[in-house]
N, C-alpha and C. Protein backbone atom coordinates (compact mmCIF):
# COMPACT_ATOMS: atom_id res chain seq x y z
N MET A 1 -10.63 2.68 -6.77
CA MET A 1 -9.19 3.10 -6.80
C MET A 1 -8.41 2.74 -8.35
N SER A 2 -8.14 3.65 -8.54
CA SER A 2 -7.19 3.43 -9.23
C SER A 2 -6.44 1.78 -9.95
N ASN A 3 -6.86 1.22 -10.92
CA ASN A 3 -6.01 -0.01 -11.31
C ASN A 3 -4.77 0.42 -11.75
N PRO A 4 -3.39 0.27 -11.88
CA PRO A 4 -2.06 0.59 -13.14
C PRO A 4 -2.75 -0.82 -13.94
N SER A 5 -2.26 -0.56 -15.38
CA SER A 5 -2.60 -1.39 -16.03
C SER A 5 -0.45 -1.26 -17.08
N HIS A 6 0.25 -0.34 -16.77
CA HIS A 6 1.00 -0.71 -17.05
C HIS A 6 2.28 -1.40 -16.72
N PRO A 7 3.30 -2.51 -17.24
CA PRO A 7 3.86 -1.70 -18.63
C PRO A 7 2.39 -3.70 -19.13
N SER A 8 2.94 -3.47 -20.49
CA SER A 8 2.12 -4.36 -21.25
C SER A 8 2.58 -5.54 -20.55
N PRO A 9 2.32 -6.75 -20.54
CA PRO A 9 2.55 -7.85 -20.37
C PRO A 9 3.95 -8.72 -21.22
N GLU A 10 3.93 -7.62 -22.63
CA GLU A 10 4.39 -8.36 -23.29
C GLU A 10 6.42 -7.70 -22.91
N GLN A 11 6.35 -6.42 -22.79
CA GLN A 11 7.18 -5.60 -22.05
C GLN A 11 8.13 -5.94 -20.92
N ILE A 12 6.89 -6.53 -19.46
CA ILE A 12 7.32 -6.78 -18.37
C ILE A 12 8.54 -7.48 -18.49
N PRO A 13 8.93 -8.56 -18.61
CA PRO A 13 10.53 -9.17 -18.54
C PRO A 13 11.25 -8.13 -18.84
N LEU A 14 11.24 -7.46 -19.36
CA LEU A 14 12.18 -6.38 -20.38
C LEU A 14 12.30 -4.97 -18.73
N VAL A 15 11.29 -5.14 -18.57
CA VAL A 15 11.28 -4.20 -17.45
C VAL A 15 11.73 -4.41 -15.74
N ASP A 16 11.70 -5.97 -16.16
CA ASP A 16 12.28 -6.34 -14.29
C ASP A 16 13.58 -6.09 -14.93
N ALA A 17 14.07 -6.50 -16.20
CA ALA A 17 15.60 -6.67 -16.66
C ALA A 17 16.28 -5.15 -16.01
N ALA A 18 15.47 -3.77 -16.61
CA ALA A 18 15.61 -2.72 -16.38
C ALA A 18 15.82 -2.29 -14.55
N LEU A 19 14.88 -3.15 -13.67
CA LEU A 19 15.18 -2.76 -12.67
C LEU A 19 15.95 -3.49 -12.07
N GLN A 20 16.25 -4.54 -12.62
CA GLN A 20 17.50 -5.60 -12.16
C GLN A 20 19.12 -4.84 -12.79
N VAL A 21 19.34 -3.64 -13.58
CA VAL A 21 20.09 -3.29 -14.20
C VAL A 21 19.99 -2.40 -13.28
N ILE A 22 19.34 -1.52 -12.50
CA ILE A 22 19.35 -0.23 -11.85
C ILE A 22 19.69 -0.58 -10.58
N ALA A 23 19.02 -1.81 -10.15
CA ALA A 23 19.65 -2.02 -8.46
C ALA A 23 20.89 -2.45 -7.99
N ARG A 24 21.23 -3.41 -9.66
CA ARG A 24 22.76 -4.20 -9.62
C ARG A 24 23.71 -2.87 -9.86
N ARG A 25 23.51 -2.42 -10.70
CA ARG A 25 24.55 -1.82 -11.84
C ARG A 25 24.08 0.03 -11.40
N GLY A 26 23.32 0.50 -10.82
CA GLY A 26 22.69 2.29 -10.59
C GLY A 26 22.38 2.53 -12.08
N PRO A 27 21.75 3.47 -11.97
CA PRO A 27 20.54 4.21 -13.75
C PRO A 27 21.55 4.84 -14.02
N GLN A 28 22.97 4.90 -14.32
CA GLN A 28 23.80 5.19 -15.46
C GLN A 28 24.00 4.13 -16.43
N HIS A 29 23.58 3.03 -16.03
CA HIS A 29 24.12 1.79 -16.63
C HIS A 29 21.89 1.49 -17.72
N LEU A 30 21.44 2.37 -17.28
CA LEU A 30 20.01 1.92 -17.70
C LEU A 30 20.25 1.73 -19.14
N THR A 31 20.71 1.21 -20.40
CA THR A 31 20.88 1.43 -21.74
C THR A 31 19.44 0.23 -21.77
N PHE A 32 19.66 0.52 -23.41
CA PHE A 32 18.69 -0.66 -24.54
C PHE A 32 19.49 -2.00 -23.81
N GLY A 33 20.63 -1.83 -24.55
CA GLY A 33 21.79 -2.48 -24.39
C GLY A 33 22.60 -3.27 -23.01
N GLU A 34 22.16 -2.79 -22.44
CA GLU A 34 22.31 -3.53 -20.73
C GLU A 34 21.42 -4.21 -20.36
N VAL A 35 19.98 -3.38 -20.93
CA VAL A 35 18.95 -4.41 -20.61
C VAL A 35 18.86 -5.56 -21.43
N ALA A 36 18.95 -5.11 -22.35
CA ALA A 36 19.08 -6.88 -23.19
C ALA A 36 20.20 -7.25 -23.12
N GLU A 37 20.59 -7.54 -22.22
CA GLU A 37 22.00 -8.20 -21.68
C GLU A 37 21.59 -9.06 -20.80
N GLU A 38 20.81 -8.12 -19.91
CA GLU A 38 20.01 -8.76 -18.60
C GLU A 38 19.52 -9.61 -18.68
N ALA A 39 18.28 -9.42 -19.80
CA ALA A 39 17.10 -10.29 -20.11
C ALA A 39 17.38 -11.12 -20.98
N GLY A 40 18.64 -10.87 -21.76
CA GLY A 40 18.96 -12.19 -22.67
C GLY A 40 18.09 -12.21 -24.16
N VAL A 41 18.01 -10.40 -24.50
CA VAL A 41 17.30 -11.10 -26.03
C VAL A 41 18.26 -9.69 -26.32
N ARG A 42 17.40 -9.25 -28.19
CA ARG A 42 18.76 -8.08 -28.94
C ARG A 42 18.17 -6.68 -28.48
N ASP A 43 19.17 -6.13 -28.24
CA ASP A 43 18.69 -4.43 -27.96
C ASP A 43 17.55 -3.97 -29.42
N GLU A 44 17.76 -4.47 -30.24
CA GLU A 44 16.53 -4.06 -31.09
C GLU A 44 14.67 -4.53 -30.43
N ASP A 45 14.78 -5.15 -30.19
CA ASP A 45 13.79 -5.74 -28.99
C ASP A 45 13.96 -4.73 -28.04
N VAL A 46 14.38 -4.08 -26.88
CA VAL A 46 14.04 -3.24 -25.85
C VAL A 46 13.86 -2.24 -26.81
N ARG A 47 14.51 -2.04 -27.89
CA ARG A 47 14.04 -0.35 -28.71
C ARG A 47 12.76 -0.47 -29.00
N ARG A 48 12.32 -1.46 -29.75
CA ARG A 48 11.53 -1.79 -30.38
C ARG A 48 9.87 -1.50 -29.28
N LEU A 49 9.96 -1.87 -28.17
CA LEU A 49 8.87 -1.93 -27.18
C LEU A 49 8.64 -0.51 -26.15
N PHE A 50 10.10 0.07 -26.54
CA PHE A 50 9.94 0.90 -25.73
C PHE A 50 10.48 2.57 -25.91
N GLY A 51 10.90 2.46 -27.40
CA GLY A 51 11.34 3.54 -28.39
C GLY A 51 12.91 4.85 -27.44
N ASP A 52 12.63 4.47 -26.05
CA ASP A 52 13.25 5.49 -25.23
C ASP A 52 13.83 5.40 -24.00
N GLU A 53 15.43 5.67 -23.60
CA GLU A 53 15.51 4.97 -22.09
C GLU A 53 14.04 5.40 -21.12
N GLN A 54 13.68 6.22 -21.65
CA GLN A 54 12.62 7.41 -20.05
C GLN A 54 11.43 6.85 -20.48
N THR A 55 11.32 6.39 -21.35
CA THR A 55 9.79 5.30 -21.55
C THR A 55 10.03 3.94 -20.44
N LEU A 56 11.30 3.33 -21.12
CA LEU A 56 11.46 2.31 -20.60
C LEU A 56 11.65 2.70 -18.20
N LEU A 57 11.69 3.69 -18.35
CA LEU A 57 12.24 3.91 -16.93
C LEU A 57 10.81 4.70 -16.88
N ILE A 58 10.12 5.38 -17.18
CA ILE A 58 8.59 4.88 -17.09
C ILE A 58 7.81 3.81 -16.72
N GLU A 59 8.23 2.80 -17.59
CA GLU A 59 7.62 1.84 -17.42
C GLU A 59 7.86 0.58 -15.93
N ALA A 60 9.19 0.52 -15.75
CA ALA A 60 9.50 0.36 -14.45
C ALA A 60 9.11 1.28 -13.16
N LEU A 61 8.89 2.22 -12.89
CA LEU A 61 8.23 2.93 -11.92
C LEU A 61 6.80 2.52 -11.74
N TYR A 62 5.83 2.24 -13.42
CA TYR A 62 4.62 1.58 -13.23
C TYR A 62 4.65 0.36 -12.70
N LEU A 63 5.63 -0.58 -12.98
CA LEU A 63 5.75 -2.36 -12.60
C LEU A 63 6.28 -2.05 -11.23
N SER A 64 6.94 -1.06 -10.73
CA SER A 64 7.38 -1.06 -9.28
C SER A 64 6.28 -0.99 -8.06
N GLY A 65 5.94 0.15 -8.65
CA GLY A 65 4.59 1.00 -8.36
C GLY A 65 3.10 -0.67 -8.01
N ARG A 66 3.35 -0.61 -8.43
CA ARG A 66 1.84 -1.80 -9.45
C ARG A 66 2.37 -3.59 -8.67
N ARG A 67 3.52 -3.21 -7.92
CA ARG A 67 3.47 -4.91 -7.23
C ARG A 67 4.17 -4.71 -5.54
N SER A 68 4.27 -3.17 -5.52
CA SER A 68 4.48 -3.01 -4.77
C SER A 68 3.15 -2.78 -3.67
N LEU A 69 2.08 -2.41 -4.66
CA LEU A 69 0.00 -2.35 -4.14
C LEU A 69 0.13 -4.02 -3.60
N GLU A 70 0.52 -4.85 -5.07
CA GLU A 70 0.20 -5.97 -4.53
C GLU A 70 0.42 -6.86 -4.17
N ARG A 71 1.86 -6.45 -2.83
CA ARG A 71 2.02 -6.47 -1.85
C ARG A 71 1.04 -6.58 -0.47
N MET A 72 0.79 -4.59 -0.71
CA MET A 72 0.28 -3.91 0.23
C MET A 72 -1.42 -4.89 0.48
N ARG A 73 -1.97 -5.14 -0.97
CA ARG A 73 -2.76 -6.10 -0.52
C ARG A 73 -3.41 -6.97 -0.80
N GLN A 74 -2.23 -7.81 0.08
CA GLN A 74 -2.74 -9.44 0.16
C GLN A 74 -3.27 -9.92 1.33
N PRO A 75 -3.71 -10.54 1.19
CA PRO A 75 -4.97 -10.79 2.42
C PRO A 75 -4.28 -10.62 4.15
N HIS A 76 -5.02 -9.92 4.92
CA HIS A 76 -4.59 -9.56 6.29
C HIS A 76 -5.28 -10.40 6.93
N ASP A 77 -4.48 -10.67 7.93
CA ASP A 77 -4.66 -11.39 9.75
C ASP A 77 -6.25 -10.47 10.04
N PRO A 78 -7.62 -11.27 9.67
CA PRO A 78 -8.60 -10.60 10.28
C PRO A 78 -7.99 -9.87 12.51
N GLN A 79 -7.03 -10.49 13.02
CA GLN A 79 -7.00 -10.35 13.98
C GLN A 79 -6.05 -9.26 14.39
N ASP A 80 -5.32 -9.08 12.99
CA ASP A 80 -4.29 -7.97 13.45
C ASP A 80 -4.70 -6.63 12.27
N SER A 81 -4.07 -5.07 12.55
CA SER A 81 -4.05 -4.01 11.75
C SER A 81 -3.65 -4.42 10.09
N ALA A 82 -4.69 -4.07 9.54
CA ALA A 82 -4.70 -4.40 8.13
C ALA A 82 -2.92 -3.18 7.73
N THR A 83 -3.32 -2.30 8.04
CA THR A 83 -2.13 -0.93 7.67
C THR A 83 -0.92 -1.99 8.32
N LEU A 84 -0.61 -2.59 9.56
CA LEU A 84 0.72 -2.93 9.82
C LEU A 84 0.74 -4.66 9.23
N ASP A 85 -0.46 -5.14 8.85
CA ASP A 85 0.05 -6.39 7.94
C ASP A 85 0.53 -6.15 6.25
N ALA A 86 -0.17 -5.16 5.99
CA ALA A 86 0.27 -4.32 4.67
C ALA A 86 1.81 -4.27 4.81
N LEU A 87 2.29 -3.31 5.58
CA LEU A 87 4.00 -2.76 5.87
C LEU A 87 4.87 -3.65 6.19
N ARG A 88 4.26 -4.65 7.19
CA ARG A 88 5.44 -6.14 6.78
C ARG A 88 4.91 -6.92 5.69
N ASN A 89 3.76 -7.09 4.57
CA ASN A 89 4.79 -7.52 3.89
C ASN A 89 5.33 -7.14 2.30
N ILE A 90 5.26 -5.72 2.47
CA ILE A 90 6.20 -4.96 2.21
C ILE A 90 7.63 -4.70 2.66
N LEU A 91 7.63 -4.94 3.95
CA LEU A 91 9.63 -5.13 4.36
C LEU A 91 9.77 -6.59 5.05
N ASN A 92 8.93 -7.27 4.45
CA ASN A 92 9.54 -8.46 4.55
C ASN A 92 9.71 -9.42 2.54
N SER A 93 8.99 -8.28 1.78
CA SER A 93 9.95 -9.12 0.52
C SER A 93 11.00 -8.93 0.36
N PRO A 94 11.27 -10.30 -0.28
CA PRO A 94 13.13 -10.57 -0.51
C PRO A 94 13.20 -9.23 -1.57
N HIS A 95 12.68 -7.96 -2.13
CA HIS A 95 13.40 -7.46 -2.61
C HIS A 95 13.42 -6.05 -2.28
N ASN A 96 12.86 -6.65 -0.90
CA ASN A 96 12.47 -5.06 -0.03
C ASN A 96 14.40 -3.92 -0.11
N GLN A 97 15.27 -4.19 -0.36
CA GLN A 97 16.79 -3.28 -0.61
C GLN A 97 16.32 -2.85 -1.41
N SER A 98 16.77 -3.55 -2.69
CA SER A 98 17.35 -3.26 -3.55
C SER A 98 15.80 -2.45 -4.68
N GLN A 99 14.18 -2.66 -4.07
CA GLN A 99 13.44 -1.73 -4.03
C GLN A 99 13.39 0.05 -3.63
N ASP A 100 14.02 -0.33 -2.46
CA ASP A 100 14.24 1.04 -1.39
C ASP A 100 15.32 1.89 -2.86
N TYR A 101 16.26 1.05 -3.48
CA TYR A 101 17.57 1.93 -3.93
C TYR A 101 16.89 1.77 -5.45
N VAL A 102 15.85 1.12 -6.07
CA VAL A 102 15.33 2.10 -6.87
C VAL A 102 14.41 3.19 -6.89
N TRP A 103 13.46 2.87 -5.85
CA TRP A 103 12.38 4.35 -5.70
C TRP A 103 13.62 5.09 -5.40
N VAL A 104 14.31 5.56 -5.00
CA VAL A 104 15.28 6.46 -4.63
C VAL A 104 15.83 7.28 -5.79
N VAL A 105 16.18 6.02 -6.75
CA VAL A 105 16.75 6.79 -8.63
C VAL A 105 15.48 7.27 -8.82
N PHE A 106 14.01 7.14 -8.90
CA PHE A 106 13.53 7.30 -9.61
C PHE A 106 12.73 8.79 -8.92
N TRP A 107 12.94 8.58 -7.77
CA TRP A 107 13.04 10.38 -6.85
C TRP A 107 14.02 11.25 -7.70
N ALA A 108 14.81 10.99 -7.70
CA ALA A 108 16.05 11.84 -8.25
C ALA A 108 15.82 12.25 -9.86
N GLY A 109 15.39 10.69 -10.31
CA GLY A 109 14.82 11.72 -11.71
C GLY A 109 14.00 12.05 -11.49
N ALA A 110 12.70 12.01 -11.45
CA ALA A 110 11.78 13.05 -11.16
C ALA A 110 12.55 14.67 -11.01
N LEU A 111 13.34 14.79 -10.39
CA LEU A 111 13.87 15.80 -9.92
C LEU A 111 14.02 16.91 -11.96
N GLY A 112 14.87 16.13 -12.38
CA GLY A 112 14.63 16.11 -13.91
C GLY A 112 13.85 15.74 -14.96
N SER A 113 13.06 15.49 -14.74
CA SER A 113 12.20 15.23 -16.11
C SER A 113 10.75 15.01 -15.51
N ASP A 114 9.81 15.40 -16.46
CA ASP A 114 8.66 16.06 -15.76
C ASP A 114 7.32 14.83 -16.08
N ALA A 115 8.39 14.07 -17.28
CA ALA A 115 7.76 13.06 -17.34
C ALA A 115 7.47 12.29 -16.24
N LEU A 116 8.62 11.90 -16.23
CA LEU A 116 8.85 11.09 -14.51
C LEU A 116 8.18 11.57 -13.39
N LYS A 117 8.67 12.36 -13.29
CA LYS A 117 7.51 13.35 -11.61
C LYS A 117 6.17 12.73 -12.10
N ALA A 118 5.26 13.62 -13.03
CA ALA A 118 4.20 12.82 -13.07
C ALA A 118 4.04 11.53 -13.09
N THR A 119 4.12 11.15 -13.47
CA THR A 119 3.89 8.94 -13.65
C THR A 119 4.63 9.12 -11.97
N LEU A 120 5.56 9.79 -10.88
CA LEU A 120 5.57 9.25 -9.71
C LEU A 120 4.29 10.13 -9.18
N SER A 121 4.29 10.40 -9.69
CA SER A 121 2.86 11.59 -9.19
C SER A 121 1.66 10.67 -8.90
N GLU A 122 1.41 10.03 -10.58
CA GLU A 122 0.03 8.64 -10.25
C GLU A 122 0.81 7.68 -9.46
N VAL A 123 1.96 7.30 -9.82
CA VAL A 123 2.05 6.01 -8.85
C VAL A 123 1.89 6.28 -7.30
N ASN A 124 2.22 7.50 -6.52
CA ASN A 124 2.13 8.27 -5.37
C ASN A 124 0.36 7.89 -4.89
N GLN A 125 -0.25 8.57 -6.10
CA GLN A 125 -1.26 8.70 -5.65
C GLN A 125 -2.37 6.90 -5.55
N TRP A 126 -1.51 6.40 -6.42
CA TRP A 126 -2.02 4.75 -6.15
C TRP A 126 -1.79 4.20 -4.93
N HIS A 127 -0.78 4.40 -4.22
CA HIS A 127 -0.07 4.16 -2.60
C HIS A 127 -1.27 4.75 -1.31
N ARG A 128 -0.92 6.63 -1.56
CA ARG A 128 -2.14 7.27 -1.07
C ARG A 128 -3.67 6.28 -0.64
N GLU A 129 -3.96 6.22 -2.06
CA GLU A 129 -5.32 5.35 -1.85
C GLU A 129 -5.24 4.33 -1.49
N ALA A 130 -4.19 3.58 -1.75
CA ALA A 130 -4.48 2.24 -0.42
C ALA A 130 -3.99 2.41 0.89
N TRP A 131 -2.94 3.05 1.16
CA TRP A 131 -2.71 3.22 2.37
C TRP A 131 -3.76 3.78 3.17
N ARG A 132 -4.88 4.67 2.55
CA ARG A 132 -5.82 5.46 3.21
C ARG A 132 -7.18 4.48 3.46
N ASP A 133 -7.13 3.61 2.48
CA ASP A 133 -8.20 2.05 2.66
C ASP A 133 -7.76 1.72 3.97
N LEU A 134 -6.47 1.46 4.33
CA LEU A 134 -6.40 0.57 4.89
C LEU A 134 -6.19 1.29 6.38
N LEU A 135 -5.88 2.46 6.28
CA LEU A 135 -6.15 2.94 7.47
C LEU A 135 -7.54 2.94 8.80
N GLU A 136 -8.55 3.62 7.36
CA GLU A 136 -10.12 3.59 7.58
C GLU A 136 -10.60 2.10 7.62
N ARG A 137 -10.02 1.04 6.97
CA ARG A 137 -10.48 -0.19 7.59
C ARG A 137 -10.05 -0.52 8.83
N ASP A 138 -8.92 -0.74 10.00
CA ASP A 138 -8.12 -0.23 10.47
C ASP A 138 -9.36 0.34 11.77
N THR A 139 -9.65 2.11 11.40
CA THR A 139 -10.47 2.46 12.35
C THR A 139 -11.74 1.91 12.23
N LYS A 140 -12.27 1.75 11.30
CA LYS A 140 -13.82 0.96 11.40
C LYS A 140 -13.89 -0.36 12.36
N ARG A 141 -12.56 -0.70 11.99
CA ARG A 141 -12.84 -2.09 12.86
C ARG A 141 -12.43 -1.66 14.85
N GLY A 142 -11.71 -0.13 15.00
CA GLY A 142 -11.82 -0.48 15.87
C GLY A 142 -10.19 -0.67 17.00
N MET A 143 -9.78 -0.33 15.67
CA MET A 143 -7.95 -0.67 15.83
C MET A 143 -7.57 0.75 15.90
N LEU A 144 -7.87 1.74 15.40
CA LEU A 144 -7.75 3.28 15.06
C LEU A 144 -8.22 3.95 15.97
N ARG A 145 -8.42 5.44 16.56
CA ARG A 145 -8.77 6.16 17.64
C ARG A 145 -10.50 6.74 15.84
N ARG A 146 -11.64 7.00 15.88
CA ARG A 146 -12.27 7.03 15.45
C ARG A 146 -12.07 8.46 15.33
N ASP A 147 -11.71 9.51 15.64
CA ASP A 147 -11.42 11.08 14.96
C ASP A 147 -10.49 11.11 14.32
N LEU A 148 -9.50 10.15 14.23
CA LEU A 148 -8.57 10.75 13.40
C LEU A 148 -8.67 10.93 11.64
N ASP A 149 -8.06 12.40 11.13
CA ASP A 149 -7.99 12.84 10.23
C ASP A 149 -7.59 12.00 9.27
N LEU A 150 -7.87 10.82 8.74
CA LEU A 150 -7.17 9.93 7.72
C LEU A 150 -6.77 10.69 6.67
N ASN A 151 -6.95 11.90 6.33
CA ASN A 151 -5.78 12.06 5.50
C ASN A 151 -4.42 12.54 5.93
N LEU A 152 -4.55 13.23 6.50
CA LEU A 152 -3.53 13.50 7.68
C LEU A 152 -2.77 12.74 7.81
N GLU A 153 -3.30 11.71 8.47
CA GLU A 153 -2.46 10.26 8.86
C GLU A 153 -1.71 9.81 7.82
N THR A 154 -2.65 9.17 6.46
CA THR A 154 -2.46 8.72 5.23
C THR A 154 -0.90 9.47 4.86
N ASP A 155 -0.93 11.32 4.78
CA ASP A 155 0.21 11.23 4.19
C ASP A 155 1.38 11.46 5.37
N ARG A 156 1.31 11.33 6.59
CA ARG A 156 2.55 11.44 7.54
C ARG A 156 2.79 9.81 7.72
N LEU A 157 2.00 8.74 7.36
CA LEU A 157 2.65 7.38 6.97
C LEU A 157 3.32 7.10 5.82
N MET A 158 2.89 8.11 4.77
CA MET A 158 3.65 8.03 3.33
C MET A 158 5.22 8.33 4.06
N LEU A 159 5.02 9.57 4.79
CA LEU A 159 6.23 10.48 4.55
C LEU A 159 7.20 9.12 5.75
N LEU A 160 6.51 9.15 6.37
CA LEU A 160 7.50 8.31 7.08
C LEU A 160 8.40 6.93 6.77
N ILE A 161 7.58 6.20 5.79
CA ILE A 161 7.72 5.02 4.73
C ILE A 161 8.28 5.67 3.77
N ASP A 162 8.32 7.01 2.86
CA ASP A 162 9.47 7.44 1.74
C ASP A 162 11.04 7.24 2.85
N GLY A 163 10.57 8.88 3.99
CA GLY A 163 11.94 8.52 4.73
C GLY A 163 12.44 7.88 5.12
N LEU A 164 12.27 6.25 5.30
CA LEU A 164 12.74 5.27 5.69
C LEU A 164 13.30 4.32 4.59
N ALA A 165 12.42 4.39 3.46
CA ALA A 165 13.18 3.38 2.40
C ALA A 165 13.84 4.90 1.22
N LEU A 166 14.44 5.59 2.34
CA LEU A 166 15.41 7.09 1.89
C LEU A 166 16.65 6.55 2.37
N ARG A 167 16.21 5.99 3.81
CA ARG A 167 17.43 6.03 4.79
C ARG A 167 18.34 4.95 4.97
N SER A 168 16.97 3.43 4.16
CA SER A 168 17.48 1.46 3.78
C SER A 168 18.44 2.31 3.02
N ALA A 169 18.11 2.78 1.59
CA ALA A 169 18.80 2.70 0.51
C ALA A 169 20.55 3.07 0.40
N LEU A 170 20.50 4.15 1.32
CA LEU A 170 21.62 4.86 1.79
C LEU A 170 22.69 4.58 3.09
N GLU A 171 21.36 3.65 4.12
CA GLU A 171 22.12 3.33 4.94
C GLU A 171 22.04 1.73 5.99
N LEU A 172 21.56 0.64 4.78
CA LEU A 172 20.86 -0.42 5.42
C LEU A 172 21.39 -0.84 6.38
N PRO A 173 22.12 -1.26 6.80
CA PRO A 173 22.95 -2.15 8.40
C PRO A 173 22.29 -1.04 8.78
N ALA A 174 22.14 0.18 9.15
CA ALA A 174 21.70 0.35 10.76
C ALA A 174 19.79 0.81 10.03
N TRP A 175 19.06 0.36 9.32
CA TRP A 175 18.37 0.44 9.10
C TRP A 175 17.75 -0.88 7.68
N PRO A 176 17.93 -2.10 9.33
CA PRO A 176 17.18 -3.26 7.76
C PRO A 176 15.10 -3.24 8.56
N PRO A 177 14.88 -4.21 7.96
CA PRO A 177 13.21 -4.31 7.76
C PRO A 177 13.15 -4.09 9.28
N GLU A 178 13.33 -4.94 9.99
CA GLU A 178 12.86 -4.76 11.15
C GLU A 178 12.83 -3.80 12.21
N ARG A 179 14.03 -3.02 12.38
CA ARG A 179 13.77 -1.66 12.65
C ARG A 179 13.18 -0.95 11.86
N GLN A 180 12.92 -0.92 10.53
CA GLN A 180 11.58 0.21 10.30
C GLN A 180 10.40 -0.30 10.54
N LEU A 181 10.10 -2.08 10.72
CA LEU A 181 9.02 -1.96 11.23
C LEU A 181 8.57 -1.46 12.66
N GLU A 182 9.56 -1.84 13.62
CA GLU A 182 9.58 -1.17 14.80
C GLU A 182 8.75 0.35 14.84
N LEU A 183 9.70 1.18 14.01
CA LEU A 183 9.50 2.92 14.48
C LEU A 183 7.67 2.83 13.91
N LEU A 184 7.71 2.14 12.58
CA LEU A 184 6.24 1.91 11.98
C LEU A 184 5.18 1.99 13.11
N THR A 185 5.48 0.46 13.45
CA THR A 185 4.58 -0.18 14.43
C THR A 185 4.21 1.14 15.76
N GLU A 186 5.66 1.27 15.69
CA GLU A 186 5.21 2.50 17.27
C GLU A 186 4.32 4.12 16.88
N SER A 187 4.66 4.00 15.18
CA SER A 187 3.77 5.36 14.66
C SER A 187 2.19 4.47 14.81
N LEU A 188 1.99 3.71 14.06
CA LEU A 188 0.61 3.36 14.24
C LEU A 188 0.39 3.11 15.62
N GLY A 189 0.93 2.75 16.40
CA GLY A 189 0.37 2.55 18.11
C GLY A 189 -0.34 4.23 18.79
N LEU A 190 0.20 5.27 18.09
CA LEU A 190 0.10 6.42 18.50
C LEU A 190 -1.16 6.93 18.13
N LEU A 191 -1.61 5.71 17.33
CA LEU A 191 -3.11 6.63 16.82
C LEU A 191 -3.89 6.13 17.27
N GLN A 192 -3.76 5.03 18.03
CA GLN A 192 -4.66 4.41 19.18
C GLN A 192 -5.35 4.26 19.92
N ASP A 193 -6.85 4.20 20.35
CA ASP A 193 -6.71 4.81 22.04
C ASP A 193 -5.84 4.63 23.20
N PRO A 194 -6.08 5.89 23.65
CA PRO A 194 -5.22 5.14 25.34
C PRO A 194 -5.74 4.08 25.72
N VAL A 195 -5.04 3.48 26.32
CA VAL A 195 -5.59 2.13 27.71
C VAL A 195 -5.56 2.40 28.79
């Protein structure tokens, strides 16, 4: 599985500041000045490390994707579904709501930027590999049917997760993490052997 390494340790505090700017004020405020103010550094420091705002946005996507993977890979309850535990870890993150909004910004930005589209594709591949590994682990443990097409089920799961993230970002009161987890749990239940 790929192991994301972007951004550099020196860039992380500034990328965190960029994610905060996007989450609180929107992508139109992602400027070196706004990020510098959020991080408590000089505008020149941000410019020196990133060169342009698109590079900063790309590094923000890498960091956001890596943190999502870290939440997915947290230890799992051996008696429970690894996939369901990973979904809980993501949905119960204190940053879940702002994370959903930031991902919508990334998706929208990818429509007009080949570089951002390529980065989003790479990060999505990391997630795809991780979700497939989790589904495969649950299948081997007998928690899911053994006849599943894991590639197809991974794609379905990712589409459902992405759709819920979009709905959550746009209509949060109607789509709290508990409701999202309920829908995802029901969807995974369809992949189990009938009792």
